[in-house]
Amino acid sequence: MVRKTSTSRSRSARFEELRGKNEATWRKPIAHVRSAALLLAGLSLATPAAASCQLIASGPQAPQTSGWALPSGIKVASASPDLVLQLAQAPSLALDEVGLRYIGHATFEITSPKGVRIATDYNDYEKPAVPPRVATMNNAHSTHFTPNPDPSIEHVLTGWNPEGGPIDHDIRVEDVRIRNLPTNARGWDGETRAFGNSIFIFELADLCIAHLGHLHHQLTPDDLATLGRIDVVLAPVDNAATLRLDSLMAVLDGIKPSVVVPMHFHFAGALERFLSRAASDGWAVTPYPTSAAVLSRKTIPSERTVMVMMPGGG
């Protein structure tokens, strides 16, 4: 039987305690990215079995996305015949396929072959129109969590422990395994908050997807061993609030994913700077035309690829 959460306290009690400790955070207004349009060809990423990732390695302004273009000098990766376009908002997924939809900021909707929907960094501003079955949250800012998640959400997984110390999640929901790696975070005044963030790992359809959350530091060898094989990384590329580009690229070099999907690029020029740096470091850059894709191992690119998706809202 799947646990609803990884702590014994009630959801309301946990959030009331957290609200008292972080009242200022709840009230900080932040502008959000809402747009459509850039290029999106489906990465399909092959076996129906759950992926075995873990043990393989033992108040900013929203950017203007209308008329957005890749920085000059970046060679756009051409789609191979195996990169099949999958552009349905609610795709019918094969047993080896995963749906990925970029809602906005740090929130993605991940859909399993059996229809389990997961929302990352679930919050009150950027969220699916239909509540997901699973919501993960981090509490760096109010755009990464909510104190009042929809009561219909079956599993609410916080990336921090209101009682202090790390929090541990490892649950299975039908054909999905969800686990986390606790990391540190920074407060508004720059102080370190130990275990204030989590990297969430989603294992489904023989794929391992890692959402870095509001990561503020590089990863240790033990961290990388805990992550294991990761195929797709959802990475914050703001170059300010989370990681500077040098540190982010070091994190990606350590994880060694096949695909990186940028997120959290709400500062002007952040996405363009990341793409320029990634291209100079040897990553292929592939823009996509919509906010949704279907991923499958059998069509994952052979070269390291940055898959650029624009947020489409809930």
Protein backbone atom coordinates (compact mmCIF):
# COMPACT_ATOMS: atom_id res chain seq x y z
CA MET A 1 0.00 0.00 0.00
CA VAL A 2 1.42 3.38 -0.99
CA ARG A 3 2.04 5.91 1.75
CA LYS A 4 0.25 9.21 1.33
CA THR A 5 3.20 11.15 2.71
CA SER A 6 6.50 10.29 4.33
CA THR A 7 5.76 11.93 7.68
CA SER A 8 3.30 11.01 10.37
CA ARG A 9 2.01 14.50 11.11
CA SER A 10 -1.13 15.72 9.40
CA ARG A 11 -0.74 17.85 6.30
CA SER A 12 -2.55 20.81 7.87
CA ALA A 13 -0.37 20.73 11.00
CA ARG A 14 2.82 20.69 8.95
CA PHE A 15 1.75 23.63 6.83
CA GLU A 16 0.47 25.69 9.78
CA GLU A 17 3.85 25.33 11.46
CA LEU A 18 5.67 26.26 8.29
CA ARG A 19 3.37 29.25 7.71
CA GLY A 20 4.30 30.65 11.12
CA LYS A 21 8.01 30.31 10.44
CA ASN A 22 7.90 31.79 6.96
CA GLU A 23 5.10 34.37 6.99
CA ALA A 24 7.17 36.86 5.03
CA THR A 25 7.83 34.31 2.32
CA TRP A 26 4.14 33.63 1.72
CA ARG A 27 3.52 37.32 1.01
CA LYS A 28 6.32 38.02 -1.47
CA PRO A 29 4.84 38.82 -4.89
CA ILE A 30 6.68 37.41 -7.88
CA ALA A 31 5.95 37.91 -11.54
CA HIS A 32 5.56 34.72 -13.53
CA VAL A 33 6.26 33.54 -17.01
CA ARG A 34 3.15 32.84 -19.06
CA SER A 35 3.62 32.33 -22.73
CA ALA A 36 3.52 29.86 -25.54
CA ALA A 37 5.63 29.30 -28.56
CA LEU A 38 9.09 28.14 -29.53
CA LEU A 39 9.72 24.78 -31.19
CA LEU A 40 8.76 21.30 -29.44
CA ALA A 41 9.39 17.97 -31.13
CA GLY A 42 8.81 15.02 -28.98
CA LEU A 43 11.63 13.32 -27.35
CA SER A 44 10.34 9.95 -26.90
CA LEU A 45 12.60 8.32 -24.22
CA ALA A 46 11.60 1.34 -23.74
CA THR A 47 10.41 -1.08 -21.61
CA PRO A 48 7.18 -0.92 -19.69
CA ALA A 49 9.01 -1.76 -16.47
CA ALA A 50 9.79 0.89 -13.86
CA ALA A 51 13.19 2.48 -14.35
CA SER A 52 16.09 1.36 -12.16
CA CYS A 53 18.02 4.61 -11.69
CA GLN A 54 19.31 4.56 -8.16
CA LEU A 55 21.85 1.77 -8.07
CA ILE A 56 23.47 2.28 -11.45
CA ALA A 57 25.78 4.95 -10.05
CA SER A 58 25.64 3.03 -6.45
CA GLY A 59 9.51 40.33 -7.34
CA PRO A 60 11.58 39.34 -10.77
CA GLN A 61 10.10 40.39 -14.09
CA ALA A 62 8.83 37.80 -16.53
CA PRO A 63 10.81 37.78 -19.79
CA GLN A 64 9.17 38.71 -23.05
CA THR A 65 8.84 35.46 -25.00
CA SER A 66 6.96 36.85 -27.97
CA GLY A 67 9.40 36.85 -30.86
CA TRP A 68 11.97 35.02 -28.76
CA ALA A 69 14.92 33.68 -30.73
CA LEU A 70 18.00 31.62 -30.03
CA PRO A 71 21.15 33.66 -29.37
CA SER A 72 23.31 34.15 -32.44
CA GLY A 73 26.06 31.64 -33.04
CA ILE A 74 24.21 28.65 -31.59
CA LYS A 75 23.88 25.71 -33.90
CA VAL A 76 20.39 24.27 -33.59
CA ALA A 77 20.39 20.49 -33.44
CA SER A 78 18.47 18.96 -36.30
CA ALA A 79 15.86 16.38 -35.38
CA SER A 80 16.85 12.85 -36.31
CA PRO A 81 14.26 10.51 -37.88
CA ASP A 82 13.86 8.93 -34.44
CA LEU A 83 12.70 12.19 -32.87
CA VAL A 84 9.00 11.77 -33.46
CA LEU A 85 6.77 14.81 -33.04
CA GLN A 86 4.18 14.28 -30.31
CA LEU A 87 2.04 17.36 -29.80
CA ALA A 88 -1.11 16.29 -27.95
CA GLN A 89 -1.96 18.15 -24.76
CA ALA A 90 -3.38 14.95 -23.27
CA PRO A 91 -1.50 12.27 -25.20
CA SER A 92 -2.42 8.63 -25.25
CA LEU A 93 0.82 7.14 -23.99
CA ALA A 94 2.37 3.81 -24.87
CA LEU A 95 3.89 1.73 -22.08
CA ASP A 96 7.35 3.15 -22.83
CA GLU A 97 6.31 6.81 -23.05
CA VAL A 98 6.16 9.70 -20.59
CA GLY A 99 4.22 12.93 -21.03
CA LEU A 100 6.02 16.14 -20.07
CA ARG A 101 4.28 19.52 -20.02
CA TYR A 102 5.91 22.79 -18.94
CA ILE A 103 3.33 24.83 -17.05
CA GLY A 104 5.58 27.66 -15.88
CA HIS A 105 8.41 28.81 -13.58
CA ALA A 106 9.51 25.50 -11.98
CA THR A 107 6.27 23.57 -12.47
CA PHE A 108 6.03 20.68 -14.89
CA GLU A 109 3.29 18.10 -15.26
CA ILE A 110 4.65 14.57 -15.70
CA THR A 111 2.24 11.86 -16.89
CA SER A 112 2.91 8.12 -16.68
CA PRO A 113 1.68 5.45 -19.12
CA LYS A 114 -1.04 4.52 -16.60
CA GLY A 115 -2.17 8.13 -16.34
CA VAL A 116 -0.58 9.11 -13.02
CA ARG A 117 -0.10 12.89 -13.17
CA ILE A 118 2.56 14.62 -11.09
CA ALA A 119 3.06 18.38 -10.66
CA THR A 120 6.51 19.60 -9.62
CA ASP A 121 7.02 22.60 -7.32
CA TYR A 122 3.24 22.86 -7.00
CA ASN A 123 2.11 26.36 -5.96
CA ASP A 124 -0.79 28.80 -6.09
CA TYR A 125 0.37 30.63 -9.21
CA GLU A 126 1.56 28.08 -11.76
CA LYS A 127 -0.33 24.80 -11.52
CA PRO A 128 -2.32 22.35 -13.65
CA ALA A 129 -5.94 23.28 -14.27
CA VAL A 130 -6.89 19.78 -13.09
CA PRO A 131 -5.31 18.84 -9.74
CA PRO A 132 -2.63 16.17 -10.09
CA ARG A 133 -2.52 12.90 -8.22
CA VAL A 134 0.94 13.74 -6.83
CA ALA A 135 2.41 17.15 -6.00
CA THR A 136 6.01 17.83 -5.02
CA MET A 137 7.02 21.14 -3.44
CA ASN A 138 10.07 23.11 -2.31
CA ASN A 139 9.86 26.11 0.01
CA ALA A 140 12.54 28.51 -1.26
CA HIS A 141 9.84 30.99 -2.32
CA SER A 142 6.05 30.99 -2.59
CA THR A 143 6.27 30.16 -6.29
CA HIS A 144 7.55 26.70 -5.37
CA PHE A 145 4.93 25.57 -2.82
CA THR A 146 1.55 26.31 -1.32
CA PRO A 147 0.33 26.05 2.29
CA ASN A 148 -3.08 25.03 0.97
CA PRO A 149 -2.74 22.29 -1.66
CA ASP A 150 -5.93 21.10 -3.28
CA PRO A 151 -7.46 18.50 -0.91
CA SER A 152 -8.06 16.15 -3.83
CA ILE A 153 -4.30 15.66 -4.33
CA GLU A 154 -3.57 12.16 -3.09
CA HIS A 155 0.15 12.56 -2.33
CA VAL A 156 1.71 15.88 -1.28
CA LEU A 157 5.48 15.52 -0.94
CA THR A 158 7.37 18.42 0.62
CA GLY A 159 11.07 18.82 -0.13
CA TRP A 160 11.79 20.04 3.39
CA ASN A 161 10.96 18.92 6.94
CA PRO A 162 9.16 21.57 9.05
CA GLU A 163 10.50 19.82 12.16
CA GLY A 164 14.09 20.21 10.99
CA GLY A 165 16.57 17.80 9.49
CA PRO A 166 16.23 15.98 6.17
CA ILE A 167 13.01 14.51 4.86
CA ASP A 168 12.88 11.16 3.10
CA HIS A 169 10.38 10.17 0.43
CA ASP A 170 10.31 6.92 -1.49
CA ILE A 171 6.85 5.98 -2.70
CA ARG A 172 5.25 4.09 -5.56
CA VAL A 173 2.06 5.22 -7.21
CA GLU A 174 1.00 2.60 -9.76
CA ASP A 175 3.73 2.67 -12.43
CA VAL A 176 5.78 5.52 -10.90
CA ARG A 177 8.43 5.55 -8.22
CA ILE A 178 9.14 8.93 -6.60
CA ARG A 179 12.07 9.58 -4.28
CA ASN A 180 14.09 12.59 -3.20
CA LEU A 181 17.58 13.80 -2.40
CA PRO A 182 17.58 16.51 0.31
CA THR A 183 19.83 19.50 -0.42
CA ASN A 184 20.39 22.88 1.21
CA ALA A 185 18.70 26.15 0.37
CA ARG A 186 19.27 29.86 1.02
CA GLY A 187 16.92 32.20 2.81
CA TRP A 188 15.94 35.72 1.72
CA ASP A 189 18.93 37.20 3.59
CA GLY A 190 21.40 34.69 2.16
CA GLU A 191 21.67 32.36 5.14
CA THR A 192 21.97 28.62 4.49
CA ARG A 193 18.94 26.54 5.42
CA ALA A 194 20.10 22.94 5.76
CA PHE A 195 17.85 20.48 3.91
CA GLY A 196 15.52 23.24 2.74
CA ASN A 197 15.24 21.83 -0.79
CA SER A 198 14.95 18.44 -2.44
CA ILE A 199 15.84 17.08 -5.83
CA PHE A 200 12.90 14.85 -6.75
CA ILE A 201 13.53 11.81 -8.92
CA PHE A 202 10.71 10.25 -10.95
CA GLU A 203 11.22 6.73 -12.28
CA LEU A 204 8.71 5.62 -14.90
CA ALA A 205 8.63 3.89 -18.29
CA ASP A 206 12.35 3.05 -18.02
CA LEU A 207 13.20 6.75 -17.67
CA CYS A 208 14.66 8.64 -14.74
CA ILE A 209 13.72 12.32 -14.55
CA ALA A 210 15.27 14.63 -11.93
CA HIS A 211 13.77 17.99 -10.97
CA LEU A 212 16.50 20.05 -9.28
CA GLY A 213 14.05 22.34 -7.47
CA HIS A 214 15.70 25.45 -6.01
CA LEU A 215 19.19 23.94 -5.82
CA HIS A 216 21.81 26.28 -4.34
CA HIS A 217 25.04 24.27 -4.36
CA GLN A 218 27.04 21.70 -6.27
CA LEU A 219 26.57 17.99 -5.57
CA THR A 220 28.92 15.66 -3.73
CA PRO A 221 29.97 12.20 -4.97
CA ASP A 222 27.54 10.72 -2.44
CA ASP A 223 24.75 12.90 -3.83
CA LEU A 224 25.50 11.72 -7.36
CA ALA A 225 25.55 8.09 -6.21
CA THR A 226 22.13 8.57 -4.60
CA LEU A 227 20.74 10.08 -7.78
CA GLY A 228 22.09 7.24 -9.92
CA ARG A 229 21.38 7.19 -13.64
CA ILE A 230 19.40 10.24 -14.69
CA ASP A 231 18.14 10.59 -18.25
CA VAL A 232 16.39 13.97 -18.10
CA VAL A 233 17.15 16.91 -15.80
CA LEU A 234 14.72 19.78 -15.25
CA ALA A 235 17.19 22.52 -14.35
CA PRO A 236 16.86 26.11 -13.03
CA VAL A 237 18.90 28.38 -15.31
CA ASP A 238 18.27 31.81 -13.75
CA ASN A 239 22.00 32.35 -12.99
CA ALA A 240 21.04 34.34 -9.89
CA ALA A 241 18.51 33.00 -7.39
CA THR A 242 19.68 29.39 -7.57
CA LEU A 243 23.05 28.52 -9.15
CA ARG A 244 25.51 30.58 -11.14
CA LEU A 245 26.18 29.12 -14.56
CA ASP A 246 29.60 27.71 -13.66
CA SER A 247 28.09 25.78 -10.76
CA LEU A 248 25.07 24.67 -12.77
CA MET A 249 27.24 23.32 -15.57
CA ALA A 250 29.35 21.46 -12.99
CA VAL A 251 26.16 19.91 -11.58
CA LEU A 252 25.04 18.83 -15.04
CA ASP A 253 28.49 17.43 -15.83
CA GLY A 254 28.26 15.37 -12.64
CA ILE A 255 24.76 14.04 -13.28
CA LYS A 256 25.46 13.35 -16.97
CA PRO A 257 21.88 13.38 -18.31
CA SER A 258 21.08 12.92 -21.98
CA VAL A 259 18.56 15.77 -21.92
CA VAL A 260 18.29 19.03 -19.97
CA VAL A 261 15.06 21.03 -19.98
CA PRO A 262 15.60 24.63 -18.77
CA MET A 263 13.21 26.16 -16.24
CA HIS A 264 13.17 29.08 -13.81
CA PHE A 265 14.40 31.58 -16.42
CA HIS A 266 12.33 34.51 -15.14
CA PHE A 267 15.23 36.98 -15.13
CA ALA A 268 15.77 38.88 -18.37
CA GLY A 269 18.37 37.20 -20.55
CA ALA A 270 18.77 34.17 -18.28
CA LEU A 271 17.67 31.59 -20.83
CA GLU A 272 19.80 33.10 -23.59
CA ARG A 273 22.89 33.14 -21.37
CA PHE A 274 22.37 29.50 -20.39
CA LEU A 275 21.91 28.39 -24.00
CA SER A 276 25.05 30.22 -25.09
CA ARG A 277 27.04 28.59 -22.29
CA ALA A 278 25.58 25.13 -22.94
CA ALA A 279 26.38 25.40 -26.65
CA SER A 280 29.94 26.46 -25.89
CA ASP A 281 30.26 23.43 -23.59
CA GLY A 282 29.25 21.08 -26.40
CA TRP A 283 25.53 20.63 -25.79
CA ALA A 284 23.17 20.48 -28.75
CA VAL A 285 20.27 22.93 -28.48
CA THR A 286 16.84 21.92 -29.75
CA PRO A 287 13.92 24.39 -29.61
CA TYR A 288 10.40 22.96 -29.62
CA PRO A 289 7.09 24.50 -30.80
CA THR A 290 4.77 23.76 -27.87
CA SER A 291 4.84 23.35 -24.10
CA ALA A 292 4.26 19.57 -24.21
CA ALA A 293 6.30 16.59 -25.34
CA VAL A 294 6.30 12.81 -25.19
CA LEU A 295 9.54 11.23 -24.00
CA SER A 296 10.70 7.68 -24.64
CA ARG A 297 14.02 5.92 -24.18
CA LYS A 298 14.06 4.58 -27.71
CA THR A 299 14.27 8.07 -29.21
CA ILE A 300 16.41 9.80 -26.63
CA PRO A 301 19.14 11.75 -28.48
CA SER A 302 22.59 10.22 -28.72
CA GLU A 303 24.29 13.57 -28.00
CA ARG A 304 23.79 15.73 -24.94
CA THR A 305 20.81 17.92 -25.75
CA VAL A 306 19.16 20.98 -24.25
CA MET A 307 15.44 20.74 -24.99
CA VAL A 308 13.98 24.26 -24.91
CA MET A 309 10.28 24.40 -23.99
CA MET A 310 8.25 27.55 -23.39
CA PRO A 311 5.73 27.54 -20.52
CA GLY A 312 2.12 27.08 -21.58
CA GLY A 313 0.25 27.57 -18.31
CA GLY A 314 -2.10 25.14 -16.60
